[in-house]
Protein backbone atom coordinates (compact mmCIF):
# COMPACT_ATOMS: atom_id res chain seq x y z
CA UNK A 1 -45.13 -250.24 135.07
CA UNK A 2 -42.39 -252.85 134.97
CA UNK A 3 -40.03 -252.91 137.92
CA UNK A 4 -36.55 -254.00 138.85
CA UNK A 5 -36.37 -255.71 142.22
CA UNK A 6 -33.15 -256.64 143.92
CA UNK A 7 -31.02 -256.78 147.06
CA UNK A 8 -27.47 -255.42 146.96
CA UNK A 9 -24.65 -255.15 149.47
CA UNK A 10 -23.31 -251.61 149.36
CA UNK A 11 -19.98 -250.47 150.78
CA UNK A 12 -20.39 -246.91 152.00
CA UNK A 13 -16.68 -246.08 152.06
CA UNK A 14 -13.88 -247.72 150.02
CA UNK A 15 -11.84 -248.59 153.11
CA UNK A 16 -14.82 -249.89 155.09
CA UNK A 17 -15.00 -253.55 156.06
CA UNK A 18 -18.78 -253.48 156.44
CA UNK A 19 -21.62 -253.43 153.93
CA UNK A 20 -25.20 -252.23 154.00
CA UNK A 21 -27.76 -254.68 152.69
CA UNK A 22 -30.26 -252.64 150.68
CA UNK A 23 -33.37 -253.99 148.98
CA UNK A 24 -35.17 -251.94 146.37
CA UNK A 25 -38.04 -251.92 143.94
CA UNK A 26 -37.41 -249.45 141.11
CA UNK A 27 -39.77 -248.46 138.32
CA UNK A 28 -38.63 -248.99 134.72
CA UNK A 29 -39.61 -247.00 131.64
CA UNK A 30 -38.08 -249.70 129.41
CA UNK A 31 -36.21 -252.96 130.07
CA UNK A 32 -32.88 -251.14 130.47
CA UNK A 33 -33.90 -247.72 131.72
CA UNK A 34 -35.17 -246.41 135.03
CA UNK A 35 -38.34 -244.35 135.10
CA UNK A 36 -38.16 -241.00 136.86
CA UNK A 37 -40.08 -241.56 140.11
CA UNK A 38 -42.62 -239.32 141.77
CA UNK A 39 -40.97 -240.10 145.07
CA UNK A 40 -38.82 -242.44 147.12
CA UNK A 41 -39.94 -244.41 150.17
CA UNK A 42 -36.97 -245.32 152.36
CA UNK A 43 -37.36 -247.64 155.33
CA UNK A 44 -34.68 -248.40 157.92
CA UNK A 45 -35.11 -251.80 159.53
CA UNK A 46 -34.44 -252.70 163.15
CA UNK A 47 -33.00 -255.63 165.07
CA UNK A 48 -33.00 -259.00 163.35
CA UNK A 49 -35.85 -261.40 163.93
CA UNK A 50 -35.12 -264.80 162.41
CA UNK A 51 -36.00 -268.41 162.99
CA UNK A 52 -39.34 -267.71 164.65
CA UNK A 53 -41.14 -270.41 162.72
CA UNK A 54 -43.96 -267.95 162.08
CA UNK A 55 -44.35 -267.57 158.28
CA UNK A 56 -45.92 -264.11 158.59
CA UNK A 57 -43.07 -262.76 160.72
CA UNK A 58 -40.48 -264.39 158.48
CA UNK A 59 -42.08 -262.86 155.38
CA UNK A 60 -42.23 -259.40 156.93
CA UNK A 61 -38.59 -259.70 157.97
CA UNK A 62 -37.49 -260.09 154.35
CA UNK A 63 -36.29 -256.70 153.01
CA UNK A 64 -37.34 -257.42 149.42
CA UNK A 65 -40.86 -258.24 150.58
CA UNK A 66 -40.92 -255.01 152.57
CA UNK A 67 -39.84 -253.02 149.50
CA UNK A 68 -42.69 -254.51 147.49
CA UNK A 69 -45.15 -253.71 150.29
CA UNK A 70 -43.94 -250.09 150.31
CA UNK A 71 -44.65 -249.83 146.58
CA UNK A 72 -48.14 -251.25 147.12
CA UNK A 73 -48.78 -248.65 149.84
CA UNK A 74 -47.19 -245.57 148.25
CA UNK A 75 -48.04 -246.35 144.62
CA UNK A 76 -46.33 -247.66 141.51
CA UNK A 77 -44.75 -244.29 140.67
CA UNK A 78 -42.58 -244.51 143.80
CA UNK A 79 -39.23 -246.23 144.21
CA UNK A 80 -38.79 -248.14 147.46
CA UNK A 81 -35.58 -248.75 149.40
CA UNK A 82 -35.17 -250.89 152.52
CA UNK A 83 -31.92 -250.37 154.43
CA UNK A 84 -30.48 -252.80 156.95
CA UNK A 85 -27.76 -251.77 159.40
CA UNK A 86 -24.19 -252.46 158.32
CA UNK A 87 -23.34 -254.08 161.64
CA UNK A 88 -25.16 -256.44 163.96
CA UNK A 89 -24.14 -257.38 167.47
CA UNK A 90 -26.00 -260.64 167.67
CA UNK A 91 -29.52 -259.60 166.72
CA UNK A 92 -28.97 -255.92 167.58
CA UNK A 93 -28.77 -253.50 164.64
CA UNK A 94 -25.95 -250.95 164.87
CA UNK A 95 -26.22 -247.90 162.56
CA UNK A 96 -22.78 -246.55 163.43
CA UNK A 97 -22.24 -244.53 160.21
CA UNK A 98 -25.59 -242.81 160.67
CA UNK A 99 -25.38 -242.32 164.45
CA UNK A 100 -21.75 -242.22 165.65
CA UNK A 101 -22.81 -242.10 169.32
CA UNK A 102 -24.43 -245.56 169.38
CA UNK A 103 -23.23 -248.13 171.89
CA UNK A 104 -22.48 -251.78 171.15
CA UNK A 105 -26.20 -252.58 171.08
CA UNK A 106 -27.01 -249.81 168.61
CA UNK A 107 -28.62 -247.57 171.22
CA UNK A 108 -27.77 -243.86 170.77
CA UNK A 109 -26.16 -242.14 173.73
CA UNK A 110 -27.27 -238.83 172.21
CA UNK A 111 -28.23 -237.23 168.90
CA UNK A 112 -25.70 -234.76 167.53
CA UNK A 113 -25.93 -232.96 164.18
CA UNK A 114 -22.18 -232.31 163.96
CA UNK A 115 -20.96 -233.43 160.54
CA UNK A 116 -24.49 -234.43 159.49
CA UNK A 117 -23.60 -238.15 159.51
CA UNK A 118 -27.06 -239.59 158.82
CA UNK A 119 -28.03 -237.32 155.94
CA UNK A 120 -24.66 -237.49 154.19
CA UNK A 121 -24.50 -241.27 154.68
CA UNK A 122 -28.00 -241.73 153.27
CA UNK A 123 -27.32 -239.63 150.18
CA UNK A 124 -24.08 -241.49 149.52
CA UNK A 125 -25.69 -244.89 150.13
CA UNK A 126 -28.51 -244.17 147.68
CA UNK A 127 -26.03 -242.92 145.08
CA UNK A 128 -23.85 -246.01 145.33
CA UNK A 129 -26.89 -248.27 145.22
CA UNK A 130 -28.25 -246.52 142.13
CA UNK A 131 -24.91 -246.88 140.34
CA UNK A 132 -24.80 -250.62 141.08
CA UNK A 133 -28.43 -251.09 140.07
CA UNK A 134 -27.86 -249.32 136.74
CA UNK A 135 -24.97 -251.68 135.97
CA UNK A 136 -27.17 -254.68 136.66
CA UNK A 137 -30.10 -253.31 134.65
CA UNK A 138 -27.75 -252.74 131.71
CA UNK A 139 -26.41 -256.26 132.06
CA UNK A 140 -23.02 -254.76 132.98
CA UNK A 141 -22.56 -253.60 129.39
CA UNK A 142 -20.26 -250.66 128.73
CA UNK A 143 -22.84 -248.66 126.81
CA UNK A 144 -23.85 -245.31 128.24
CA UNK A 145 -26.84 -245.30 130.55
CA UNK A 146 -29.68 -243.02 129.50
CA UNK A 147 -32.96 -242.65 131.33
CA UNK A 148 -36.06 -242.21 129.23
CA UNK A 149 -38.37 -239.33 130.03
CA UNK A 150 -41.59 -241.20 129.44
CA UNK A 151 -44.98 -239.41 129.32
CA UNK A 152 -45.50 -240.40 132.95
CA UNK A 153 -42.16 -238.95 134.08
CA UNK A 154 -42.28 -236.20 136.69
CA UNK A 155 -40.65 -232.82 136.12
CA UNK A 156 -40.15 -232.05 139.82
CA UNK A 157 -37.48 -233.68 141.93
CA UNK A 158 -38.87 -236.70 143.77
CA UNK A 159 -40.32 -236.42 147.25
CA UNK A 160 -38.95 -238.55 150.07
CA UNK A 161 -40.92 -240.56 152.61
CA UNK A 162 -38.81 -241.80 155.52
CA UNK A 163 -39.83 -244.78 157.64
CA UNK A 164 -38.15 -246.41 160.60
CA UNK A 165 -39.08 -249.78 162.03
CA UNK A 166 -38.09 -250.37 165.66
CA UNK A 167 -34.34 -249.60 165.93
CA UNK A 168 -34.58 -247.99 162.49
CA UNK A 169 -36.49 -245.20 164.19
CA UNK A 170 -33.25 -244.02 165.78
CA UNK A 171 -31.99 -243.12 162.30
CA UNK A 172 -35.10 -240.97 161.83
CA UNK A 173 -34.37 -239.25 165.15
CA UNK A 174 -30.84 -238.47 163.96
CA UNK A 175 -32.11 -237.16 160.62
CA UNK A 176 -34.62 -234.91 162.39
CA UNK A 177 -31.83 -233.59 164.63
CA UNK A 178 -29.72 -232.79 161.58
CA UNK A 179 -32.68 -231.17 159.83
CA UNK A 180 -33.09 -228.82 162.79
CA UNK A 181 -29.53 -227.56 162.25
CA UNK A 182 -29.48 -227.75 158.45
CA UNK A 183 -29.84 -223.99 157.91
CA UNK A 184 -27.01 -223.21 160.31
CA UNK A 185 -24.30 -225.48 158.98
CA UNK A 186 -23.53 -226.94 155.56
CA UNK A 187 -21.73 -230.13 154.64
CA UNK A 188 -21.26 -230.89 150.95
CA UNK A 189 -20.69 -234.37 149.55
CA UNK A 190 -17.77 -234.34 147.06
CA UNK A 191 -19.25 -233.80 143.60
CA UNK A 192 -17.18 -236.62 142.08
CA UNK A 193 -19.13 -239.11 144.21
CA UNK A 194 -22.52 -238.02 142.85
CA UNK A 195 -23.61 -237.98 139.21
CA UNK A 196 -25.60 -234.91 138.17
CA UNK A 197 -28.28 -236.97 136.42
CA UNK A 198 -29.01 -238.81 139.67
CA UNK A 199 -30.98 -235.88 141.11
CA UNK A 200 -33.93 -236.91 138.93
CA UNK A 201 -34.09 -240.14 140.92
CA UNK A 202 -32.67 -239.49 144.40
CA UNK A 203 -31.50 -236.56 146.55
CA UNK A 204 -27.86 -235.77 145.72
CA UNK A 205 -27.05 -233.52 148.69
CA UNK A 206 -28.15 -233.31 152.29
CA UNK A 207 -29.90 -230.03 151.50
CA UNK A 208 -31.74 -231.72 148.66
CA UNK A 209 -32.68 -234.56 150.98
CA UNK A 210 -34.12 -232.25 153.62
CA UNK A 211 -36.06 -230.25 151.02
CA UNK A 212 -37.53 -233.44 149.55
CA UNK A 213 -38.84 -234.94 152.80
CA UNK A 214 -42.63 -235.00 152.72
CA UNK A 215 -43.43 -237.74 155.25
CA UNK A 216 -41.83 -239.36 158.30
CA UNK A 217 -43.30 -242.51 159.81
CA UNK A 218 -42.31 -244.56 162.85
CA UNK A 219 -43.41 -248.17 162.36
CA UNK A 220 -43.73 -250.51 165.35
């Protein structure tokens, strides 16, 4: 299967001054159409490690390389996303949108499900990334985007594998906290921010995200 590989800077909110750097490897059914994936592997990275002089460490610190490794591990029918924190204090990753209680070094003071910040942020981030990627795949043409349901397309909504490396594991902790309260409270993302067709590729609500989770891995 052909793939589109790229790294994009995604602004989570229109009035935000920060951007998330997201790398992805997406399966294609044709040169200008995404294939419906069996699942999505999403990895949150940790603190920055740069300038070590070690080629192995440098390679494994590159988000695009990590996305390609995820595809090799989970299979070619999976789309891979690698998310870097939107803010860094020196080398320290700070996932403030996902975990509002973090301190200046990105360390959570506590995990609180109120408002479901991690799950709603992740769904919105994936949606905005997918929209940008579609524009690039189409060559920014104004023609309508249509995905092709190839013979290998999957009829069920894709499963989600979540991975956290080092500090990225704190995002997993927050998501697990929110999952524990997901049947008690409900927070909907405004429908105008999510396209209906997207649910064939990514979760389009926090409830859909929680239902799709099949694996959680802490990577250290």
